[in-house]
Amino acid sequence: MSAPPRERCDTSTAVVTRGRTHLAALLALLLLVGCASAPEAPPTLRQALLGLGERAATLVLTQPAWSGTDTSAGQDIVLLLGEAEVDARLGITPERFGETLSRALLAAPQGPQVLDWQPDAATPTASDNGNLWLLDSRLEPDGPVLRLSDRDLLPYRLTLALRHPGEDKIRWQRVISGAFDMTAL
């Protein structure tokens, strides 16, 4: 009786297969480690301003002052942003805050047209166009510094007001309060 034929094992195929398995396991491990590690922290002030700008934009757009009776039918709302008033004690420039607010408003889907606005002699009156709205904003400290064990917080108050250009009457006003981490300023 003869012995059954021996199966021939190709060692190069086995090594490649084992190498691919190890590589796949290593990639899966690296992916899990990457997901489990903390993301790189962005600058605190930048995040704080972005968050404040997004909160303000959401408030303006979810509770708008404009309605069907205030606007001309079929025309888009145009939101004019005046220069923001920012108290120097906060360490934030009016330009920086204004840009943050503009970006947040522009990022909103189905939002109004947003334009920077500077008053001049050609300021339109409310009767010119009911679709024009002026957004005034004032950011100021709202109390003394709060000292915690690991940081200091500076309370702030942001006041937002909407009116038609050329009018003094405020049609809508809201206030947002919070606190900035002083180490970020």
N, C-alpha and C. Protein backbone atom coordinates (compact mmCIF):
# COMPACT_ATOMS: atom_id res chain seq x y z
N MET A 1 0.80 -1.16 0.00
CA MET A 1 0.00 0.00 0.00
C MET A 1 0.86 1.24 0.00
N SER A 2 0.46 2.12 -0.75
CA SER A 2 1.26 3.33 -0.83
C SER A 2 0.64 4.40 0.07
N ALA A 3 1.46 5.28 0.55
CA ALA A 3 1.02 6.36 1.43
C ALA A 3 0.25 7.39 0.63
N PRO A 4 -0.74 7.99 1.29
CA PRO A 4 -1.49 9.02 0.57
C PRO A 4 -0.56 10.16 0.17
N PRO A 5 -0.86 10.83 -0.91
CA PRO A 5 0.01 11.91 -1.35
C PRO A 5 0.01 13.03 -0.29
N ARG A 6 1.14 13.58 -0.08
CA ARG A 6 1.27 14.67 0.90
C ARG A 6 0.79 15.98 0.27
N GLU A 7 0.05 16.68 1.07
CA GLU A 7 -0.39 17.99 0.57
C GLU A 7 0.78 18.94 0.69
N ARG A 8 0.92 19.69 -0.29
CA ARG A 8 2.03 20.62 -0.32
C ARG A 8 1.57 21.96 0.25
N CYS A 9 2.31 22.48 1.17
CA CYS A 9 1.97 23.76 1.81
C CYS A 9 2.89 24.83 1.25
N ASP A 10 2.28 25.84 0.71
CA ASP A 10 3.06 26.95 0.18
C ASP A 10 3.29 27.93 1.33
N THR A 11 4.48 27.99 1.87
CA THR A 11 4.77 28.82 3.04
C THR A 11 4.67 30.31 2.72
N SER A 12 4.92 30.71 1.52
CA SER A 12 4.84 32.14 1.20
C SER A 12 3.39 32.63 1.29
N THR A 13 2.43 31.81 0.88
CA THR A 13 1.02 32.19 0.97
C THR A 13 0.60 32.28 2.43
N ALA A 14 1.05 31.38 3.26
CA ALA A 14 0.69 31.38 4.68
C ALA A 14 1.26 32.61 5.37
N VAL A 15 2.49 32.98 5.03
CA VAL A 15 3.12 34.15 5.65
C VAL A 15 2.38 35.42 5.25
N VAL A 16 2.02 35.55 3.98
CA VAL A 16 1.30 36.73 3.51
C VAL A 16 -0.07 36.82 4.17
N THR A 17 -0.76 35.69 4.27
CA THR A 17 -2.09 35.69 4.90
C THR A 17 -1.97 36.08 6.36
N ARG A 18 -0.99 35.52 7.07
CA ARG A 18 -0.79 35.84 8.48
C ARG A 18 -0.40 37.31 8.61
N GLY A 19 0.42 37.85 7.72
CA GLY A 19 0.83 39.25 7.74
C GLY A 19 -0.35 40.19 7.54
N ARG A 20 -1.25 39.82 6.63
CA ARG A 20 -2.45 40.64 6.40
C ARG A 20 -3.34 40.64 7.63
N THR A 21 -3.46 39.51 8.28
CA THR A 21 -4.29 39.41 9.49
C THR A 21 -3.70 40.29 10.58
N HIS A 22 -2.38 40.23 10.76
CA HIS A 22 -1.73 41.06 11.77
C HIS A 22 -1.87 42.54 11.44
N LEU A 23 -1.73 42.89 10.17
CA LEU A 23 -1.86 44.27 9.74
C LEU A 23 -3.28 44.79 10.00
N ALA A 24 -4.27 43.97 9.68
CA ALA A 24 -5.66 44.37 9.93
C ALA A 24 -5.91 44.56 11.42
N ALA A 25 -5.37 43.65 12.24
CA ALA A 25 -5.53 43.77 13.69
C ALA A 25 -4.83 45.03 14.21
N LEU A 26 -3.66 45.34 13.69
CA LEU A 26 -2.93 46.54 14.09
C LEU A 26 -3.69 47.80 13.70
N LEU A 27 -4.23 47.84 12.49
CA LEU A 27 -5.01 49.01 12.05
C LEU A 27 -6.26 49.19 12.91
N ALA A 28 -6.93 48.09 13.24
CA ALA A 28 -8.11 48.18 14.11
C ALA A 28 -7.73 48.70 15.48
N LEU A 29 -6.60 48.26 16.02
CA LEU A 29 -6.12 48.72 17.31
C LEU A 29 -5.80 50.21 17.28
N LEU A 30 -5.12 50.66 16.22
CA LEU A 30 -4.80 52.08 16.08
C LEU A 30 -6.07 52.93 15.96
N LEU A 31 -7.05 52.43 15.24
CA LEU A 31 -8.32 53.14 15.11
C LEU A 31 -9.00 53.29 16.45
N LEU A 32 -9.02 52.22 17.24
CA LEU A 32 -9.63 52.28 18.56
C LEU A 32 -8.88 53.23 19.49
N VAL A 33 -7.56 53.22 19.43
CA VAL A 33 -6.76 54.12 20.26
C VAL A 33 -7.04 55.57 19.85
N GLY A 34 -7.12 55.83 18.55
CA GLY A 34 -7.41 57.18 18.08
C GLY A 34 -8.77 57.67 18.52
N CYS A 35 -9.76 56.79 18.53
CA CYS A 35 -11.11 57.18 18.97
C CYS A 35 -11.16 57.38 20.47
N ALA A 36 -10.37 56.62 21.21
CA ALA A 36 -10.41 56.69 22.66
C ALA A 36 -9.64 57.87 23.21
N SER A 37 -8.68 58.38 22.47
CA SER A 37 -7.89 59.49 22.98
C SER A 37 -8.67 60.79 22.85
N ALA A 38 -8.33 61.73 23.69
CA ALA A 38 -9.01 63.02 23.69
C ALA A 38 -8.61 63.80 22.44
N PRO A 39 -9.56 64.50 21.82
CA PRO A 39 -9.21 65.31 20.66
C PRO A 39 -8.35 66.49 21.09
N GLU A 40 -7.60 67.00 20.15
CA GLU A 40 -6.78 68.16 20.44
C GLU A 40 -7.68 69.33 20.77
N ALA A 41 -7.41 69.98 21.88
CA ALA A 41 -8.27 71.07 22.34
C ALA A 41 -8.00 72.34 21.54
N PRO A 42 -9.04 72.94 20.97
CA PRO A 42 -8.86 74.21 20.28
C PRO A 42 -8.69 75.32 21.30
N PRO A 43 -8.21 76.47 20.89
CA PRO A 43 -8.07 77.58 21.83
C PRO A 43 -9.39 77.89 22.51
N THR A 44 -9.33 78.06 23.82
CA THR A 44 -10.54 78.23 24.62
C THR A 44 -11.34 79.47 24.22
N LEU A 45 -10.66 80.60 24.06
CA LEU A 45 -11.38 81.82 23.71
C LEU A 45 -12.09 81.66 22.38
N ARG A 46 -11.40 81.07 21.42
CA ARG A 46 -12.01 80.88 20.11
C ARG A 46 -13.28 80.05 20.25
N GLN A 47 -13.21 78.96 21.00
CA GLN A 47 -14.38 78.12 21.21
C GLN A 47 -15.47 78.88 21.97
N ALA A 48 -15.07 79.64 22.97
CA ALA A 48 -16.06 80.41 23.74
C ALA A 48 -16.78 81.42 22.84
N LEU A 49 -16.02 82.12 22.00
CA LEU A 49 -16.65 83.09 21.10
C LEU A 49 -17.52 82.40 20.04
N LEU A 50 -17.05 81.28 19.52
CA LEU A 50 -17.86 80.54 18.55
C LEU A 50 -19.16 80.09 19.17
N GLY A 51 -19.08 79.58 20.38
CA GLY A 51 -20.30 79.14 21.07
C GLY A 51 -21.25 80.30 21.33
N LEU A 52 -20.70 81.43 21.75
CA LEU A 52 -21.54 82.60 22.01
C LEU A 52 -22.17 83.09 20.71
N GLY A 53 -21.40 83.13 19.64
CA GLY A 53 -21.94 83.56 18.34
C GLY A 53 -23.05 82.64 17.86
N GLU A 54 -22.86 81.33 18.03
CA GLU A 54 -23.89 80.36 17.62
C GLU A 54 -25.15 80.51 18.47
N ARG A 55 -24.99 80.71 19.79
CA ARG A 55 -26.16 80.91 20.66
C ARG A 55 -26.93 82.16 20.24
N ALA A 56 -26.19 83.24 19.96
CA ALA A 56 -26.83 84.49 19.55
C ALA A 56 -27.56 84.33 18.22
N ALA A 57 -26.91 83.70 17.25
CA ALA A 57 -27.54 83.49 15.94
C ALA A 57 -28.79 82.64 16.07
N THR A 58 -28.72 81.59 16.85
CA THR A 58 -29.88 80.72 17.05
C THR A 58 -31.03 81.51 17.67
N LEU A 59 -30.73 82.33 18.65
CA LEU A 59 -31.76 83.13 19.30
C LEU A 59 -32.41 84.12 18.33
N VAL A 60 -31.59 84.78 17.53
CA VAL A 60 -32.11 85.75 16.56
C VAL A 60 -32.97 85.07 15.51
N LEU A 61 -32.55 83.89 15.05
CA LEU A 61 -33.25 83.24 13.95
C LEU A 61 -34.43 82.38 14.37
N THR A 62 -34.46 81.91 15.62
CA THR A 62 -35.60 81.10 16.05
C THR A 62 -36.71 81.94 16.65
N GLN A 63 -36.40 83.14 17.04
CA GLN A 63 -37.41 84.05 17.57
C GLN A 63 -37.30 85.39 16.85
N PRO A 64 -37.51 85.39 15.53
CA PRO A 64 -37.27 86.62 14.78
C PRO A 64 -38.34 87.69 15.04
N ALA A 65 -37.91 88.91 14.86
CA ALA A 65 -38.83 90.03 15.02
C ALA A 65 -39.69 90.22 13.78
N TRP A 66 -39.20 89.72 12.66
CA TRP A 66 -39.94 89.93 11.42
C TRP A 66 -41.10 88.94 11.32
N SER A 67 -42.13 89.39 10.67
CA SER A 67 -43.31 88.54 10.44
C SER A 67 -43.85 88.89 9.06
N GLY A 68 -44.87 88.17 8.63
CA GLY A 68 -45.46 88.42 7.32
C GLY A 68 -45.99 89.83 7.16
N THR A 69 -46.42 90.45 8.24
CA THR A 69 -46.96 91.80 8.14
C THR A 69 -45.87 92.86 8.06
N ASP A 70 -44.65 92.53 8.54
CA ASP A 70 -43.57 93.51 8.54
C ASP A 70 -42.77 93.50 7.24
N THR A 71 -42.87 92.44 6.48
CA THR A 71 -42.02 92.31 5.30
C THR A 71 -42.83 92.42 4.03
N SER A 72 -42.16 92.79 2.98
CA SER A 72 -42.79 92.82 1.67
C SER A 72 -42.86 91.38 1.18
N ALA A 73 -43.99 90.99 0.69
CA ALA A 73 -44.19 89.61 0.24
C ALA A 73 -43.18 89.23 -0.83
N GLY A 74 -42.65 88.03 -0.70
CA GLY A 74 -41.76 87.50 -1.72
C GLY A 74 -40.33 88.02 -1.66
N GLN A 75 -40.01 88.86 -0.69
CA GLN A 75 -38.65 89.38 -0.60
C GLN A 75 -37.95 88.77 0.60
N ASP A 76 -36.64 88.62 0.46
CA ASP A 76 -35.84 88.05 1.53
C ASP A 76 -35.55 89.09 2.61
N ILE A 77 -35.34 88.58 3.82
CA ILE A 77 -34.93 89.42 4.93
C ILE A 77 -33.45 89.74 4.77
N VAL A 78 -33.11 91.01 5.00
CA VAL A 78 -31.71 91.44 4.99
C VAL A 78 -31.39 91.93 6.39
N LEU A 79 -30.41 91.29 7.01
CA LEU A 79 -30.00 91.62 8.36
C LEU A 79 -28.72 92.43 8.30
N LEU A 80 -28.80 93.67 8.74
CA LEU A 80 -27.65 94.57 8.74
C LEU A 80 -27.00 94.51 10.12
N LEU A 81 -25.70 94.24 10.16
CA LEU A 81 -24.99 94.18 11.43
C LEU A 81 -24.20 95.45 11.65
N GLY A 82 -24.60 96.20 12.66
CA GLY A 82 -23.83 97.37 13.04
C GLY A 82 -22.59 96.94 13.79
N GLU A 83 -21.68 97.86 14.05
CA GLU A 83 -20.48 97.52 14.80
C GLU A 83 -20.88 97.15 16.22
N ALA A 84 -20.40 96.01 16.66
CA ALA A 84 -20.71 95.54 18.01
C ALA A 84 -20.05 96.44 19.05
N GLU A 85 -20.77 96.67 20.14
CA GLU A 85 -20.19 97.38 21.28
C GLU A 85 -19.64 96.33 22.22
N VAL A 86 -18.33 96.35 22.45
CA VAL A 86 -17.68 95.37 23.32
C VAL A 86 -16.86 96.12 24.36
N ASP A 87 -17.13 95.86 25.63
CA ASP A 87 -16.40 96.48 26.72
C ASP A 87 -14.95 95.98 26.69
N ALA A 88 -14.00 96.91 26.75
CA ALA A 88 -12.57 96.58 26.66
C ALA A 88 -12.11 95.67 27.79
N ARG A 89 -12.80 95.67 28.93
CA ARG A 89 -12.40 94.82 30.06
C ARG A 89 -12.51 93.33 29.74
N LEU A 90 -13.25 92.99 28.69
CA LEU A 90 -13.38 91.58 28.30
C LEU A 90 -12.18 91.09 27.50
N GLY A 91 -11.40 92.00 26.95
CA GLY A 91 -10.22 91.60 26.18
C GLY A 91 -10.56 91.07 24.79
N ILE A 92 -11.70 91.45 24.28
CA ILE A 92 -12.15 91.03 22.96
C ILE A 92 -12.40 92.28 22.13
N THR A 93 -11.91 92.30 20.90
CA THR A 93 -12.14 93.47 20.06
C THR A 93 -13.53 93.41 19.45
N PRO A 94 -14.14 94.56 19.20
CA PRO A 94 -15.45 94.57 18.54
C PRO A 94 -15.42 93.87 17.18
N GLU A 95 -14.32 94.02 16.46
CA GLU A 95 -14.20 93.38 15.14
C GLU A 95 -14.23 91.86 15.25
N ARG A 96 -13.52 91.35 16.24
CA ARG A 96 -13.46 89.89 16.42
C ARG A 96 -14.83 89.33 16.80
N PHE A 97 -15.51 90.00 17.71
CA PHE A 97 -16.83 89.52 18.08
C PHE A 97 -17.81 89.67 16.92
N GLY A 98 -17.75 90.79 16.21
CA GLY A 98 -18.64 91.01 15.07
C GLY A 98 -18.45 89.96 13.99
N GLU A 99 -17.19 89.57 13.74
CA GLU A 99 -16.92 88.53 12.74
C GLU A 99 -17.50 87.19 13.19
N THR A 100 -17.35 86.88 14.47
CA THR A 100 -17.90 85.63 14.99
C THR A 100 -19.41 85.58 14.85
N LEU A 101 -20.07 86.68 15.17
CA LEU A 101 -21.53 86.75 15.05
C LEU A 101 -21.96 86.66 13.58
N SER A 102 -21.24 87.36 12.69
CA SER A 102 -21.55 87.31 11.26
C SER A 102 -21.44 85.89 10.72
N ARG A 103 -20.36 85.20 11.07
CA ARG A 103 -20.16 83.83 10.59
C ARG A 103 -21.26 82.89 11.08
N ALA A 104 -21.65 83.05 12.33
CA ALA A 104 -22.71 82.20 12.88
C ALA A 104 -24.03 82.44 12.16
N LEU A 105 -24.34 83.69 11.86
CA LEU A 105 -25.59 84.00 11.15
C LEU A 105 -25.55 83.50 9.71
N LEU A 106 -24.39 83.64 9.07
CA LEU A 106 -24.26 83.18 7.69
C LEU A 106 -24.28 81.66 7.58
N ALA A 107 -23.88 80.97 8.62
CA ALA A 107 -23.84 79.50 8.60
C ALA A 107 -25.23 78.88 8.76
N ALA A 108 -26.20 79.65 9.16
CA ALA A 108 -27.55 79.12 9.38
C ALA A 108 -28.21 78.79 8.04
N PRO A 109 -28.72 77.56 7.92
CA PRO A 109 -29.44 77.23 6.69
C PRO A 109 -30.75 78.03 6.62
N GLN A 110 -31.09 78.46 5.46
CA GLN A 110 -32.32 79.24 5.25
C GLN A 110 -32.34 80.53 6.07
N GLY A 111 -31.16 81.05 6.39
CA GLY A 111 -31.08 82.28 7.17
C GLY A 111 -31.23 83.50 6.28
N PRO A 112 -31.26 84.67 6.89
CA PRO A 112 -31.38 85.90 6.11
C PRO A 112 -30.06 86.26 5.44
N GLN A 113 -30.13 87.23 4.55
CA GLN A 113 -28.90 87.79 4.00
C GLN A 113 -28.28 88.63 5.12
N VAL A 114 -26.98 88.55 5.28
CA VAL A 114 -26.30 89.26 6.36
C VAL A 114 -25.26 90.19 5.76
N LEU A 115 -25.33 91.47 6.15
CA LEU A 115 -24.40 92.48 5.65
C LEU A 115 -23.84 93.29 6.80
N ASP A 116 -22.53 93.59 6.74
CA ASP A 116 -21.98 94.56 7.69
C ASP A 116 -22.54 95.91 7.31
N TRP A 117 -22.82 96.72 8.32
CA TRP A 117 -23.48 97.99 8.04
C TRP A 117 -22.82 99.09 8.84
N GLN A 118 -22.59 100.20 8.20
CA GLN A 118 -22.09 101.39 8.87
C GLN A 118 -23.06 102.52 8.56
N PRO A 119 -23.53 103.23 9.57
CA PRO A 119 -24.51 104.30 9.32
C PRO A 119 -23.88 105.43 8.50
N ASP A 120 -24.69 106.00 7.64
CA ASP A 120 -24.26 107.16 6.87
C ASP A 120 -25.49 107.97 6.50
N ALA A 121 -25.30 108.97 5.68
CA ALA A 121 -26.40 109.84 5.30
C ALA A 121 -27.46 109.11 4.49
N ALA A 122 -27.09 108.02 3.86
CA ALA A 122 -28.03 107.28 3.00
C ALA A 122 -28.76 106.18 3.77
N THR A 123 -28.84 106.30 5.08
CA THR A 123 -29.51 105.29 5.88
C THR A 123 -30.98 105.21 5.47
N PRO A 124 -31.46 104.03 5.09
CA PRO A 124 -32.85 103.90 4.69
C PRO A 124 -33.78 104.04 5.90
N THR A 125 -34.99 104.44 5.64
CA THR A 125 -35.98 104.52 6.71
C THR A 125 -36.82 103.25 6.68
N ALA A 126 -37.56 103.01 7.74
CA ALA A 126 -38.37 101.80 7.84
C ALA A 126 -39.39 101.73 6.71
N SER A 127 -39.89 102.88 6.25
CA SER A 127 -40.88 102.85 5.18
C SER A 127 -40.26 102.46 3.84
N ASP A 128 -38.92 102.61 3.71
CA ASP A 128 -38.25 102.23 2.47
C ASP A 128 -38.37 100.74 2.20
N ASN A 129 -38.16 99.94 3.24
CA ASN A 129 -38.19 98.49 3.05
C ASN A 129 -38.35 97.80 4.39
N GLY A 130 -39.47 97.14 4.58
CA GLY A 130 -39.74 96.43 5.82
C GLY A 130 -38.91 95.17 5.97
N ASN A 131 -38.15 94.81 4.93
CA ASN A 131 -37.32 93.60 4.98
C ASN A 131 -35.94 93.86 5.55
N LEU A 132 -35.60 95.14 5.75
CA LEU A 132 -34.29 95.48 6.32
C LEU A 132 -34.40 95.53 7.85
N TRP A 133 -33.49 94.83 8.50
CA TRP A 133 -33.44 94.82 9.96
C TRP A 133 -32.01 95.10 10.40
N LEU A 134 -31.87 95.90 11.42
CA LEU A 134 -30.57 96.24 11.98
C LEU A 134 -30.41 95.49 13.29
N LEU A 135 -29.32 94.72 13.41
CA LEU A 135 -29.03 93.98 14.63
C LEU A 135 -27.96 94.74 15.40
N ASP A 136 -28.34 95.26 16.56
CA ASP A 136 -27.40 95.91 17.47
C ASP A 136 -26.98 94.88 18.51
N SER A 137 -25.70 94.89 18.87
CA SER A 137 -25.21 93.96 19.89
C SER A 137 -24.27 94.69 20.84
N ARG A 138 -24.40 94.35 22.12
CA ARG A 138 -23.55 94.94 23.16
C ARG A 138 -23.08 93.83 24.09
N LEU A 139 -21.76 93.65 24.20
CA LEU A 139 -21.17 92.62 25.05
C LEU A 139 -20.41 93.33 26.16
N GLU A 140 -20.78 93.01 27.41
CA GLU A 140 -20.17 93.71 28.54
C GLU A 140 -20.03 92.77 29.75
N PRO A 141 -19.11 93.12 30.67
CA PRO A 141 -18.99 92.31 31.89
C PRO A 141 -20.30 92.38 32.68
N ASP A 142 -20.60 91.32 33.39
CA ASP A 142 -21.85 91.26 34.16
C ASP A 142 -21.55 90.88 35.62
N GLY A 143 -20.64 91.60 36.22
CA GLY A 143 -20.31 91.33 37.61
C GLY A 143 -18.82 91.13 37.80
N PRO A 144 -18.43 90.90 39.05
CA PRO A 144 -17.01 90.73 39.35
C PRO A 144 -16.51 89.36 38.90
N VAL A 145 -15.19 89.23 38.84
CA VAL A 145 -14.55 87.96 38.47
C VAL A 145 -14.91 86.92 39.53
N LEU A 146 -15.28 85.73 39.06
CA LEU A 146 -15.60 84.61 39.95
C LEU A 146 -14.35 83.74 40.08
N ARG A 147 -13.81 83.64 41.29
CA ARG A 147 -12.59 82.87 41.51
C ARG A 147 -12.93 81.45 41.93
N LEU A 148 -12.52 80.49 41.09
CA LEU A 148 -12.69 79.07 41.39
C LEU A 148 -11.33 78.51 41.82
N SER A 149 -11.31 77.27 42.23
CA SER A 149 -10.04 76.68 42.68
C SER A 149 -9.02 76.54 41.56
N ASP A 150 -9.47 76.34 40.33
CA ASP A 150 -8.54 76.12 39.23
C ASP A 150 -8.54 77.21 38.16
N ARG A 151 -9.43 78.17 38.24
CA ARG A 151 -9.48 79.23 37.23
C ARG A 151 -10.37 80.37 37.69
N ASP A 152 -10.32 81.46 36.93
CA ASP A 152 -11.17 82.62 37.18
C ASP A 152 -12.15 82.76 36.02
N LEU A 153 -13.39 83.07 36.35
CA LEU A 153 -14.42 83.26 35.33
C LEU A 153 -14.88 84.72 35.34
N LEU A 154 -15.05 85.28 34.16
CA LEU A 154 -15.54 86.65 34.01
C LEU A 154 -16.96 86.60 33.44
N PRO A 155 -17.95 86.91 34.26
CA PRO A 155 -19.34 86.90 33.75
C PRO A 155 -19.53 87.98 32.67
N TYR A 156 -20.36 87.66 31.70
CA TYR A 156 -20.67 88.62 30.64
C TYR A 156 -22.17 88.64 30.39
N ARG A 157 -22.60 89.70 29.71
CA ARG A 157 -23.98 89.83 29.27
C ARG A 157 -23.95 90.33 27.84
N LEU A 158 -24.61 89.61 26.95
CA LEU A 158 -24.73 90.02 25.55
C LEU A 158 -26.17 90.43 25.31
N THR A 159 -26.35 91.67 24.88
CA THR A 159 -27.68 92.19 24.58
C THR A 159 -27.81 92.31 23.07
N LEU A 160 -28.85 91.70 22.53
CA LEU A 160 -29.14 91.74 21.09
C LEU A 160 -30.45 92.50 20.90
N ALA A 161 -30.49 93.39 19.93
CA ALA A 161 -31.71 94.15 19.66
C ALA A 161 -31.89 94.29 18.15
N LEU A 162 -33.13 94.12 17.70
CA LEU A 162 -33.47 94.29 16.29
C LEU A 162 -34.41 95.47 16.13
N ARG A 163 -34.12 96.26 15.12
CA ARG A 163 -34.98 97.39 14.76
C ARG A 163 -34.81 97.65 13.28
N HIS A 164 -35.70 98.43 12.73
CA HIS A 164 -35.55 98.85 11.34
C HIS A 164 -34.55 100.00 11.29
N PRO A 165 -33.71 100.05 10.26
CA PRO A 165 -32.79 101.18 10.12
C PRO A 165 -33.58 102.49 10.03
N GLY A 166 -33.08 103.50 10.68
CA GLY A 166 -33.75 104.79 10.68
C GLY A 166 -34.78 104.93 11.77
N GLU A 167 -35.06 103.87 12.50
CA GLU A 167 -35.99 103.91 13.63
C GLU A 167 -35.24 103.75 14.93
N ASP A 168 -35.75 104.36 15.97
CA ASP A 168 -35.17 104.18 17.29
C ASP A 168 -35.90 103.09 18.07
N LYS A 169 -37.11 102.78 17.64
CA LYS A 169 -37.93 101.80 18.35
C LYS A 169 -37.35 100.38 18.18
N ILE A 170 -37.06 99.74 19.30
CA ILE A 170 -36.57 98.37 19.29
C ILE A 170 -37.77 97.45 19.14
N ARG A 171 -37.71 96.56 18.14
CA ARG A 171 -38.82 95.65 17.86
C ARG A 171 -38.65 94.30 18.56
N TRP A 172 -37.39 93.97 18.93
CA TRP A 172 -37.08 92.67 19.53
C TRP A 172 -35.78 92.83 20.31
N GLN A 173 -35.74 92.28 21.53
CA GLN A 173 -34.51 92.35 22.31
C GLN A 173 -34.39 91.10 23.18
N ARG A 174 -33.19 90.55 23.25
CA ARG A 174 -32.91 89.39 24.09
C ARG A 174 -31.54 89.57 24.74
N VAL A 175 -31.35 88.88 25.89
CA VAL A 175 -30.09 88.95 26.62
C VAL A 175 -29.57 87.54 26.85
N ILE A 176 -28.28 87.35 26.60
CA ILE A 176 -27.61 86.09 26.87
C ILE A 176 -26.58 86.37 27.95
N SER A 177 -26.57 85.55 28.99
CA SER A 177 -25.58 85.69 30.05
C SER A 177 -24.74 84.43 30.13
N GLY A 178 -23.50 84.60 30.55
CA GLY A 178 -22.59 83.48 30.70
C GLY A 178 -21.31 83.96 31.35
N ALA A 179 -20.23 83.18 31.20
CA ALA A 179 -18.94 83.56 31.78
C ALA A 179 -17.81 83.02 30.90
N PHE A 180 -16.80 83.86 30.69
CA PHE A 180 -15.60 83.46 29.97
C PHE A 180 -14.55 83.00 30.97
N ASP A 181 -13.77 81.99 30.60
CA ASP A 181 -12.63 81.55 31.39
C ASP A 181 -11.54 82.60 31.20
N MET A 182 -11.07 83.22 32.28
CA MET A 182 -10.08 84.31 32.20
C MET A 182 -8.76 83.85 31.57
N THR A 183 -8.41 82.58 31.71
CA THR A 183 -7.17 82.10 31.11
C THR A 183 -7.26 82.12 29.60
N ALA A 184 -8.47 82.14 29.06
CA ALA A 184 -8.66 82.17 27.61
C ALA A 184 -8.57 83.60 27.07
N LEU A 185 -8.74 84.56 27.94
CA LEU A 185 -8.72 85.96 27.49
C LEU A 185 -7.30 86.44 27.52
